[in-house]
Amino acid sequence: MNVFENDGCYLLSFHWNGRQQAHGQTPDISAAADSARRWAEGFDLESLAAAHPFIEFSGLQLAYERGVAVEFQWAELLNAVEEEERAFRDLVILASRDDFLKQLFPRLGHRFALSANEYSQGILVAVFVYRPGWFVIYGDDGAFEFEGDARQVVDYLGHRLAVMRQDG
């Protein structure tokens, strides 16, 4: 829990398991102190925000608290590819149906990336759109490691990452 005084307000940051879980801002020092006390006593995010409406958190932060961040993130990505990130649509849908890949933590931006779990800062692999319907994975040296359509990339990822996990 961090509290900073800033311009007549108190900026609050609530942390758990190495991650910021919520934040807020209030001019009332007693509200800031009470929210800090509640957090230290183990109040969950929803209870904390119910007591102090100035506290905000995202759906992903709530999913971390509930232990369902991987499932939540896949659902968010599937929604995103239907609404806005259509370039990755087929790849994300197929990857989400793969029993091994759906255990990994996905991220989507200018690339589709998979991490070992929801707490990993690094990525295991990144997939880029080369042209519509065709994807590429670059090696550490910047050269093509693999390229193909969505099905080929998902098959390759499943095999490559399963081997990496076995090798330790």
N, C-alpha and C. Protein backbone atom coordinates (compact mmCIF):
# COMPACT_ATOMS: atom_id res chain seq x y z
N MET A 1 0.85 -1.17 0.00
CA MET A 1 0.00 0.00 0.00
C MET A 1 0.89 1.22 0.00
N ASN A 2 0.67 2.09 -0.94
CA ASN A 2 1.41 3.36 -1.01
C ASN A 2 0.41 4.51 -0.92
N VAL A 3 0.78 5.53 -0.17
CA VAL A 3 -0.02 6.74 -0.09
C VAL A 3 0.92 7.92 -0.30
N PHE A 4 0.57 8.76 -1.26
CA PHE A 4 1.37 9.96 -1.54
C PHE A 4 0.46 11.17 -1.46
N GLU A 5 0.98 12.23 -0.84
CA GLU A 5 0.25 13.48 -0.81
C GLU A 5 0.61 14.24 -2.09
N ASN A 6 -0.42 14.74 -2.77
CA ASN A 6 -0.19 15.43 -4.03
C ASN A 6 -1.26 16.50 -4.22
N ASP A 7 -0.87 17.73 -4.16
CA ASP A 7 -1.77 18.84 -4.48
C ASP A 7 -3.07 18.82 -3.67
N GLY A 8 -2.95 18.55 -2.37
CA GLY A 8 -4.13 18.56 -1.51
C GLY A 8 -4.93 17.28 -1.54
N CYS A 9 -4.45 16.28 -2.26
CA CYS A 9 -5.12 14.98 -2.32
C CYS A 9 -4.14 13.89 -1.91
N TYR A 10 -4.68 12.74 -1.60
CA TYR A 10 -3.87 11.57 -1.29
C TYR A 10 -4.05 10.56 -2.41
N LEU A 11 -2.94 10.21 -3.05
CA LEU A 11 -2.93 9.22 -4.11
C LEU A 11 -2.62 7.87 -3.48
N LEU A 12 -3.47 6.90 -3.73
CA LEU A 12 -3.31 5.59 -3.11
C LEU A 12 -3.06 4.52 -4.17
N SER A 13 -2.21 3.58 -3.82
CA SER A 13 -1.90 2.46 -4.70
C SER A 13 -1.89 1.19 -3.85
N PHE A 14 -2.76 0.26 -4.18
CA PHE A 14 -2.92 -0.97 -3.41
C PHE A 14 -2.23 -2.11 -4.16
N HIS A 15 -1.29 -2.77 -3.50
CA HIS A 15 -0.49 -3.82 -4.14
C HIS A 15 -0.74 -5.17 -3.48
N TRP A 16 -0.60 -6.20 -4.29
CA TRP A 16 -0.71 -7.58 -3.81
C TRP A 16 0.06 -8.47 -4.76
N ASN A 17 0.85 -9.34 -4.23
CA ASN A 17 1.57 -10.33 -5.02
C ASN A 17 2.40 -9.69 -6.13
N GLY A 18 3.02 -8.56 -5.83
CA GLY A 18 3.89 -7.90 -6.79
C GLY A 18 3.18 -7.08 -7.85
N ARG A 19 1.88 -6.91 -7.74
CA ARG A 19 1.12 -6.18 -8.73
C ARG A 19 0.26 -5.10 -8.08
N GLN A 20 0.09 -4.01 -8.82
CA GLN A 20 -0.87 -3.01 -8.36
C GLN A 20 -2.26 -3.57 -8.62
N GLN A 21 -3.06 -3.64 -7.59
CA GLN A 21 -4.40 -4.20 -7.70
C GLN A 21 -5.48 -3.13 -7.80
N ALA A 22 -5.20 -1.96 -7.27
CA ALA A 22 -6.20 -0.88 -7.31
C ALA A 22 -5.48 0.43 -7.05
N HIS A 23 -6.19 1.51 -7.31
CA HIS A 23 -5.65 2.84 -7.04
C HIS A 23 -6.83 3.77 -6.73
N GLY A 24 -6.49 4.92 -6.20
CA GLY A 24 -7.54 5.89 -5.91
C GLY A 24 -6.95 7.21 -5.49
N GLN A 25 -7.84 8.16 -5.34
CA GLN A 25 -7.42 9.51 -4.94
C GLN A 25 -8.53 10.12 -4.10
N THR A 26 -8.16 10.71 -2.97
CA THR A 26 -9.13 11.36 -2.09
C THR A 26 -8.47 12.53 -1.38
N PRO A 27 -9.24 13.59 -1.12
CA PRO A 27 -8.70 14.69 -0.32
C PRO A 27 -8.82 14.43 1.19
N ASP A 28 -9.53 13.37 1.55
CA ASP A 28 -9.85 13.07 2.95
C ASP A 28 -8.81 12.11 3.54
N ILE A 29 -7.99 12.59 4.46
CA ILE A 29 -6.94 11.76 5.05
C ILE A 29 -7.52 10.58 5.84
N SER A 30 -8.67 10.77 6.48
CA SER A 30 -9.25 9.66 7.24
C SER A 30 -9.74 8.56 6.30
N ALA A 31 -10.26 8.92 5.14
CA ALA A 31 -10.68 7.92 4.15
C ALA A 31 -9.46 7.18 3.60
N ALA A 32 -8.39 7.92 3.36
CA ALA A 32 -7.15 7.30 2.88
C ALA A 32 -6.63 6.31 3.93
N ALA A 33 -6.61 6.72 5.18
CA ALA A 33 -6.13 5.85 6.26
C ALA A 33 -7.03 4.63 6.43
N ASP A 34 -8.34 4.84 6.38
CA ASP A 34 -9.26 3.72 6.54
C ASP A 34 -9.13 2.72 5.39
N SER A 35 -8.97 3.21 4.17
CA SER A 35 -8.82 2.28 3.04
C SER A 35 -7.51 1.50 3.18
N ALA A 36 -6.45 2.15 3.64
CA ALA A 36 -5.17 1.46 3.86
C ALA A 36 -5.32 0.39 4.94
N ARG A 37 -6.01 0.74 6.01
CA ARG A 37 -6.24 -0.23 7.10
C ARG A 37 -7.01 -1.44 6.59
N ARG A 38 -8.08 -1.18 5.85
CA ARG A 38 -8.91 -2.27 5.33
C ARG A 38 -8.08 -3.18 4.41
N TRP A 39 -7.27 -2.58 3.55
CA TRP A 39 -6.44 -3.37 2.63
C TRP A 39 -5.47 -4.24 3.44
N ALA A 40 -4.83 -3.66 4.44
CA ALA A 40 -3.89 -4.40 5.27
C ALA A 40 -4.58 -5.53 6.04
N GLU A 41 -5.85 -5.33 6.37
CA GLU A 41 -6.61 -6.36 7.08
C GLU A 41 -7.15 -7.44 6.16
N GLY A 42 -6.97 -7.28 4.84
CA GLY A 42 -7.36 -8.34 3.91
C GLY A 42 -8.69 -8.16 3.21
N PHE A 43 -9.24 -6.95 3.24
CA PHE A 43 -10.48 -6.72 2.50
C PHE A 43 -10.24 -6.97 1.02
N ASP A 44 -11.22 -7.55 0.33
CA ASP A 44 -11.07 -7.76 -1.11
C ASP A 44 -11.40 -6.47 -1.86
N LEU A 45 -11.10 -6.46 -3.15
CA LEU A 45 -11.26 -5.25 -3.96
C LEU A 45 -12.68 -4.72 -3.96
N GLU A 46 -13.64 -5.58 -4.14
CA GLU A 46 -15.03 -5.12 -4.21
C GLU A 46 -15.49 -4.54 -2.87
N SER A 47 -15.11 -5.16 -1.78
CA SER A 47 -15.48 -4.64 -0.46
C SER A 47 -14.78 -3.30 -0.19
N LEU A 48 -13.54 -3.21 -0.59
CA LEU A 48 -12.79 -1.98 -0.41
C LEU A 48 -13.42 -0.84 -1.20
N ALA A 49 -13.77 -1.09 -2.45
CA ALA A 49 -14.38 -0.06 -3.30
C ALA A 49 -15.79 0.27 -2.83
N ALA A 50 -16.49 -0.69 -2.26
CA ALA A 50 -17.84 -0.41 -1.73
C ALA A 50 -17.75 0.55 -0.54
N ALA A 51 -16.74 0.38 0.28
CA ALA A 51 -16.55 1.25 1.44
C ALA A 51 -15.98 2.60 1.04
N HIS A 52 -15.18 2.61 -0.04
CA HIS A 52 -14.51 3.84 -0.49
C HIS A 52 -14.62 3.93 -2.01
N PRO A 53 -15.68 4.54 -2.51
CA PRO A 53 -15.94 4.58 -3.96
C PRO A 53 -14.85 5.26 -4.80
N PHE A 54 -13.92 5.95 -4.18
CA PHE A 54 -12.84 6.57 -4.94
C PHE A 54 -11.80 5.53 -5.39
N ILE A 55 -11.88 4.32 -4.88
CA ILE A 55 -10.94 3.26 -5.25
C ILE A 55 -11.41 2.60 -6.54
N GLU A 56 -10.47 2.47 -7.47
CA GLU A 56 -10.78 1.91 -8.79
C GLU A 56 -9.87 0.72 -9.08
N PHE A 57 -10.41 -0.23 -9.84
CA PHE A 57 -9.64 -1.39 -10.28
C PHE A 57 -10.26 -1.90 -11.57
N SER A 58 -9.47 -2.64 -12.32
CA SER A 58 -9.94 -3.16 -13.61
C SER A 58 -10.48 -4.58 -13.45
N GLY A 59 -11.11 -5.05 -14.49
CA GLY A 59 -11.57 -6.43 -14.51
C GLY A 59 -10.41 -7.41 -14.39
N LEU A 60 -9.28 -7.09 -15.02
CA LEU A 60 -8.11 -7.97 -14.93
C LEU A 60 -7.56 -7.98 -13.50
N GLN A 61 -7.55 -6.83 -12.85
CA GLN A 61 -7.07 -6.80 -11.47
C GLN A 61 -7.97 -7.64 -10.56
N LEU A 62 -9.26 -7.56 -10.78
CA LEU A 62 -10.20 -8.39 -10.02
C LEU A 62 -9.97 -9.88 -10.33
N ALA A 63 -9.70 -10.19 -11.58
CA ALA A 63 -9.44 -11.57 -11.98
C ALA A 63 -8.17 -12.10 -11.30
N TYR A 64 -7.14 -11.26 -11.18
CA TYR A 64 -5.94 -11.67 -10.44
C TYR A 64 -6.31 -12.03 -9.00
N GLU A 65 -7.10 -11.18 -8.37
CA GLU A 65 -7.49 -11.44 -6.99
C GLU A 65 -8.24 -12.77 -6.88
N ARG A 66 -9.07 -13.06 -7.84
CA ARG A 66 -9.89 -14.28 -7.81
C ARG A 66 -9.15 -15.51 -8.31
N GLY A 67 -7.94 -15.32 -8.83
CA GLY A 67 -7.16 -16.45 -9.34
C GLY A 67 -7.59 -16.94 -10.71
N VAL A 68 -8.23 -16.07 -11.49
CA VAL A 68 -8.70 -16.47 -12.82
C VAL A 68 -8.18 -15.52 -13.90
N ALA A 69 -6.98 -14.98 -13.71
CA ALA A 69 -6.46 -13.99 -14.65
C ALA A 69 -6.25 -14.57 -16.05
N VAL A 70 -5.77 -15.80 -16.15
CA VAL A 70 -5.54 -16.40 -17.47
C VAL A 70 -6.85 -16.53 -18.22
N GLU A 71 -7.86 -17.07 -17.59
CA GLU A 71 -9.16 -17.24 -18.23
C GLU A 71 -9.76 -15.88 -18.62
N PHE A 72 -9.65 -14.92 -17.71
CA PHE A 72 -10.17 -13.58 -17.98
C PHE A 72 -9.47 -12.98 -19.20
N GLN A 73 -8.15 -13.10 -19.25
CA GLN A 73 -7.39 -12.49 -20.34
C GLN A 73 -7.75 -13.13 -21.68
N TRP A 74 -7.91 -14.44 -21.72
CA TRP A 74 -8.33 -15.08 -22.96
C TRP A 74 -9.70 -14.56 -23.40
N ALA A 75 -10.62 -14.43 -22.47
CA ALA A 75 -11.96 -13.92 -22.80
C ALA A 75 -11.87 -12.50 -23.34
N GLU A 76 -11.04 -11.66 -22.73
CA GLU A 76 -10.85 -10.29 -23.20
C GLU A 76 -10.28 -10.27 -24.61
N LEU A 77 -9.29 -11.12 -24.87
CA LEU A 77 -8.69 -11.16 -26.21
C LEU A 77 -9.68 -11.66 -27.26
N LEU A 78 -10.47 -12.65 -26.90
CA LEU A 78 -11.47 -13.15 -27.85
C LEU A 78 -12.49 -12.05 -28.17
N ASN A 79 -12.85 -11.28 -27.18
CA ASN A 79 -13.75 -10.15 -27.40
C ASN A 79 -13.08 -9.10 -28.29
N ALA A 80 -11.82 -8.82 -28.02
CA ALA A 80 -11.09 -7.80 -28.80
C ALA A 80 -10.96 -8.19 -30.26
N VAL A 81 -10.69 -9.47 -30.53
CA VAL A 81 -10.53 -9.86 -31.94
C VAL A 81 -11.85 -9.85 -32.68
N GLU A 82 -12.93 -9.97 -31.97
CA GLU A 82 -14.25 -9.87 -32.61
C GLU A 82 -14.60 -8.41 -32.90
N GLU A 83 -14.15 -7.50 -32.03
CA GLU A 83 -14.56 -6.11 -32.15
C GLU A 83 -13.55 -5.19 -32.81
N GLU A 84 -12.23 -5.41 -32.55
CA GLU A 84 -11.28 -4.41 -33.05
C GLU A 84 -9.99 -4.97 -33.63
N GLU A 85 -9.47 -6.05 -33.13
CA GLU A 85 -8.19 -6.59 -33.59
C GLU A 85 -8.40 -7.75 -34.55
N ARG A 86 -9.09 -7.50 -35.62
CA ARG A 86 -9.47 -8.58 -36.54
C ARG A 86 -8.28 -9.25 -37.23
N ALA A 87 -7.16 -8.58 -37.31
CA ALA A 87 -5.99 -9.16 -37.96
C ALA A 87 -5.53 -10.43 -37.25
N PHE A 88 -5.76 -10.51 -35.95
CA PHE A 88 -5.34 -11.67 -35.17
C PHE A 88 -6.49 -12.63 -34.88
N ARG A 89 -7.66 -12.36 -35.43
CA ARG A 89 -8.87 -13.11 -35.07
C ARG A 89 -8.69 -14.62 -35.13
N ASP A 90 -8.37 -15.17 -36.29
CA ASP A 90 -8.27 -16.62 -36.44
C ASP A 90 -7.19 -17.21 -35.54
N LEU A 91 -6.07 -16.53 -35.43
CA LEU A 91 -4.97 -17.01 -34.59
C LEU A 91 -5.39 -17.10 -33.13
N VAL A 92 -6.00 -16.05 -32.60
CA VAL A 92 -6.39 -16.03 -31.20
C VAL A 92 -7.48 -17.07 -30.93
N ILE A 93 -8.44 -17.18 -31.82
CA ILE A 93 -9.51 -18.17 -31.63
C ILE A 93 -8.95 -19.58 -31.61
N LEU A 94 -8.09 -19.90 -32.55
CA LEU A 94 -7.50 -21.25 -32.59
C LEU A 94 -6.60 -21.50 -31.37
N ALA A 95 -5.81 -20.51 -30.98
CA ALA A 95 -4.93 -20.67 -29.82
C ALA A 95 -5.75 -20.88 -28.55
N SER A 96 -6.89 -20.19 -28.44
CA SER A 96 -7.72 -20.32 -27.24
C SER A 96 -8.37 -21.69 -27.14
N ARG A 97 -8.44 -22.40 -28.23
CA ARG A 97 -9.04 -23.75 -28.24
C ARG A 97 -8.00 -24.85 -28.04
N ASP A 98 -6.72 -24.48 -28.07
CA ASP A 98 -5.65 -25.45 -27.89
C ASP A 98 -5.46 -25.71 -26.39
N ASP A 99 -5.56 -26.98 -25.99
CA ASP A 99 -5.50 -27.32 -24.57
C ASP A 99 -4.22 -26.84 -23.89
N PHE A 100 -3.10 -26.88 -24.58
CA PHE A 100 -1.84 -26.43 -23.98
C PHE A 100 -1.72 -24.91 -24.00
N LEU A 101 -1.97 -24.29 -25.14
CA LEU A 101 -1.79 -22.84 -25.26
C LEU A 101 -2.72 -22.05 -24.36
N LYS A 102 -3.94 -22.55 -24.15
CA LYS A 102 -4.89 -21.78 -23.34
C LYS A 102 -4.52 -21.75 -21.86
N GLN A 103 -3.49 -22.51 -21.46
CA GLN A 103 -2.97 -22.44 -20.10
C GLN A 103 -1.98 -21.29 -19.92
N LEU A 104 -1.50 -20.74 -21.04
CA LEU A 104 -0.52 -19.67 -21.02
C LEU A 104 -1.24 -18.32 -20.96
N PHE A 105 -0.51 -17.28 -20.54
CA PHE A 105 -1.11 -15.96 -20.41
C PHE A 105 -0.92 -15.19 -21.72
N PRO A 106 -2.02 -14.83 -22.40
CA PRO A 106 -1.91 -14.14 -23.69
C PRO A 106 -1.92 -12.62 -23.55
N ARG A 107 -1.28 -11.98 -24.50
CA ARG A 107 -1.31 -10.51 -24.61
C ARG A 107 -1.50 -10.18 -26.09
N LEU A 108 -2.18 -9.09 -26.33
CA LEU A 108 -2.43 -8.69 -27.71
C LEU A 108 -2.23 -7.20 -27.84
N GLY A 109 -1.47 -6.82 -28.82
CA GLY A 109 -1.22 -5.42 -29.14
C GLY A 109 -0.79 -5.39 -30.59
N HIS A 110 0.43 -4.94 -30.84
CA HIS A 110 0.95 -4.98 -32.20
C HIS A 110 1.39 -6.39 -32.55
N ARG A 111 1.29 -7.30 -31.57
CA ARG A 111 1.65 -8.71 -31.74
C ARG A 111 0.79 -9.53 -30.79
N PHE A 112 0.74 -10.82 -31.04
CA PHE A 112 0.11 -11.77 -30.13
C PHE A 112 1.25 -12.43 -29.38
N ALA A 113 1.24 -12.35 -28.05
CA ALA A 113 2.33 -12.89 -27.26
C ALA A 113 1.79 -13.82 -26.18
N LEU A 114 2.60 -14.81 -25.83
CA LEU A 114 2.25 -15.74 -24.77
C LEU A 114 3.34 -15.74 -23.72
N SER A 115 2.92 -15.70 -22.45
CA SER A 115 3.83 -15.80 -21.31
C SER A 115 3.53 -17.08 -20.57
N ALA A 116 4.48 -17.54 -19.78
CA ALA A 116 4.34 -18.81 -19.06
C ALA A 116 3.13 -18.82 -18.14
N ASN A 117 2.86 -17.68 -17.49
CA ASN A 117 1.71 -17.58 -16.60
C ASN A 117 1.38 -16.10 -16.41
N GLU A 118 0.36 -15.84 -15.62
CA GLU A 118 -0.11 -14.47 -15.46
C GLU A 118 0.87 -13.58 -14.70
N TYR A 119 1.87 -14.14 -14.06
CA TYR A 119 2.83 -13.34 -13.31
C TYR A 119 4.14 -13.11 -14.07
N SER A 120 4.29 -13.73 -15.22
CA SER A 120 5.51 -13.58 -16.01
C SER A 120 5.57 -12.21 -16.66
N GLN A 121 6.69 -11.56 -16.54
CA GLN A 121 6.89 -10.29 -17.23
C GLN A 121 7.42 -10.52 -18.64
N GLY A 122 8.18 -11.58 -18.82
CA GLY A 122 8.72 -11.91 -20.13
C GLY A 122 7.74 -12.69 -20.96
N ILE A 123 8.06 -12.82 -22.23
CA ILE A 123 7.19 -13.59 -23.12
C ILE A 123 7.95 -14.81 -23.63
N LEU A 124 7.21 -15.86 -23.89
CA LEU A 124 7.79 -17.07 -24.46
C LEU A 124 7.92 -16.95 -25.97
N VAL A 125 6.94 -16.31 -26.57
CA VAL A 125 6.92 -16.17 -28.03
C VAL A 125 6.02 -15.01 -28.42
N ALA A 126 6.37 -14.39 -29.54
CA ALA A 126 5.54 -13.31 -30.10
C ALA A 126 5.26 -13.63 -31.55
N VAL A 127 4.02 -13.42 -31.95
CA VAL A 127 3.59 -13.68 -33.32
C VAL A 127 3.12 -12.36 -33.92
N PHE A 128 3.61 -12.07 -35.11
CA PHE A 128 3.27 -10.82 -35.80
C PHE A 128 2.49 -11.13 -37.07
N VAL A 129 1.62 -10.20 -37.46
CA VAL A 129 0.93 -10.32 -38.74
C VAL A 129 1.92 -9.89 -39.82
N TYR A 130 2.14 -10.77 -40.78
CA TYR A 130 3.02 -10.45 -41.90
C TYR A 130 2.22 -9.83 -43.04
N ARG A 131 1.07 -10.45 -43.29
CA ARG A 131 0.07 -9.94 -44.22
C ARG A 131 -1.25 -10.58 -43.80
N PRO A 132 -2.38 -10.11 -44.27
CA PRO A 132 -3.65 -10.69 -43.81
C PRO A 132 -3.68 -12.21 -43.94
N GLY A 133 -3.95 -12.86 -42.80
CA GLY A 133 -4.05 -14.32 -42.79
C GLY A 133 -2.71 -15.05 -42.72
N TRP A 134 -1.62 -14.33 -42.68
CA TRP A 134 -0.29 -14.94 -42.66
C TRP A 134 0.52 -14.32 -41.52
N PHE A 135 1.12 -15.17 -40.71
CA PHE A 135 1.79 -14.73 -39.50
C PHE A 135 3.26 -15.15 -39.53
N VAL A 136 4.05 -14.46 -38.73
CA VAL A 136 5.48 -14.76 -38.66
C VAL A 136 5.95 -14.70 -37.21
N ILE A 137 6.88 -15.58 -36.91
CA ILE A 137 7.58 -15.58 -35.63
C ILE A 137 9.04 -15.35 -35.95
N TYR A 138 9.63 -14.36 -35.30
CA TYR A 138 11.04 -14.06 -35.51
C TYR A 138 11.88 -14.75 -34.45
N GLY A 139 13.06 -15.20 -34.85
CA GLY A 139 14.00 -15.78 -33.89
C GLY A 139 14.74 -14.69 -33.15
N ASP A 140 15.58 -15.09 -32.22
CA ASP A 140 16.36 -14.13 -31.44
C ASP A 140 17.29 -13.30 -32.31
N ASP A 141 17.69 -13.84 -33.46
CA ASP A 141 18.59 -13.12 -34.36
C ASP A 141 17.86 -12.20 -35.33
N GLY A 142 16.53 -12.14 -35.22
CA GLY A 142 15.74 -11.27 -36.08
C GLY A 142 15.31 -11.91 -37.39
N ALA A 143 15.77 -13.11 -37.66
CA ALA A 143 15.37 -13.82 -38.89
C ALA A 143 14.06 -14.57 -38.64
N PHE A 144 13.39 -14.93 -39.74
CA PHE A 144 12.17 -15.72 -39.60
C PHE A 144 12.50 -17.03 -38.90
N GLU A 145 11.72 -17.33 -37.88
CA GLU A 145 11.82 -18.63 -37.22
C GLU A 145 10.75 -19.56 -37.81
N PHE A 146 9.57 -18.96 -38.04
CA PHE A 146 8.47 -19.74 -38.59
C PHE A 146 7.48 -18.77 -39.19
N GLU A 147 6.79 -19.22 -40.24
CA GLU A 147 5.70 -18.44 -40.80
C GLU A 147 4.64 -19.38 -41.32
N GLY A 148 3.39 -18.90 -41.30
CA GLY A 148 2.31 -19.72 -41.80
C GLY A 148 0.96 -19.09 -41.49
N ASP A 149 -0.08 -19.83 -41.84
CA ASP A 149 -1.42 -19.35 -41.53
C ASP A 149 -1.72 -19.63 -40.06
N ALA A 150 -2.89 -19.24 -39.61
CA ALA A 150 -3.24 -19.35 -38.19
C ALA A 150 -3.12 -20.78 -37.68
N ARG A 151 -3.65 -21.74 -38.41
CA ARG A 151 -3.60 -23.14 -37.98
C ARG A 151 -2.15 -23.63 -37.89
N GLN A 152 -1.34 -23.32 -38.87
CA GLN A 152 0.06 -23.75 -38.85
C GLN A 152 0.81 -23.13 -37.67
N VAL A 153 0.56 -21.86 -37.40
CA VAL A 153 1.25 -21.18 -36.30
C VAL A 153 0.82 -21.78 -34.96
N VAL A 154 -0.46 -22.04 -34.77
CA VAL A 154 -0.94 -22.63 -33.52
C VAL A 154 -0.33 -24.02 -33.33
N ASP A 155 -0.29 -24.82 -34.38
CA ASP A 155 0.33 -26.15 -34.28
C ASP A 155 1.80 -26.03 -33.91
N TYR A 156 2.50 -25.10 -34.56
CA TYR A 156 3.92 -24.88 -34.28
C TYR A 156 4.13 -24.42 -32.84
N LEU A 157 3.31 -23.46 -32.39
CA LEU A 157 3.45 -22.96 -31.02
C LEU A 157 3.20 -24.05 -29.99
N GLY A 158 2.16 -24.82 -30.21
CA GLY A 158 1.86 -25.90 -29.27
C GLY A 158 3.03 -26.86 -29.13
N HIS A 159 3.63 -27.23 -30.25
CA HIS A 159 4.77 -28.15 -30.23
C HIS A 159 6.00 -27.48 -29.61
N ARG A 160 6.33 -26.29 -30.10
CA ARG A 160 7.54 -25.59 -29.63
C ARG A 160 7.51 -25.31 -28.13
N LEU A 161 6.38 -24.80 -27.65
CA LEU A 161 6.28 -24.43 -26.25
C LEU A 161 6.18 -25.64 -25.34
N ALA A 162 5.57 -26.70 -25.80
CA ALA A 162 5.52 -27.95 -25.01
C ALA A 162 6.92 -28.52 -24.86
N VAL A 163 7.72 -28.47 -25.91
CA VAL A 163 9.10 -28.94 -25.85
C VAL A 163 9.91 -28.08 -24.88
N MET A 164 9.71 -26.76 -24.95
CA MET A 164 10.41 -25.85 -24.05
C MET A 164 10.06 -26.18 -22.59
N ARG A 165 8.81 -26.47 -22.32
CA ARG A 165 8.39 -26.79 -20.95
C ARG A 165 9.02 -28.09 -20.49
N GLN A 166 9.11 -29.08 -21.38
CA GLN A 166 9.72 -30.36 -21.02
C GLN A 166 11.22 -30.20 -20.74
N ASP A 167 11.86 -29.36 -21.52
CA ASP A 167 13.30 -29.15 -21.37
C ASP A 167 13.62 -28.32 -20.12
N GLY A 168 12.59 -27.71 -19.58
CA GLY A 168 12.73 -27.03 -18.31
C GLY A 168 13.04 -25.61 -18.34
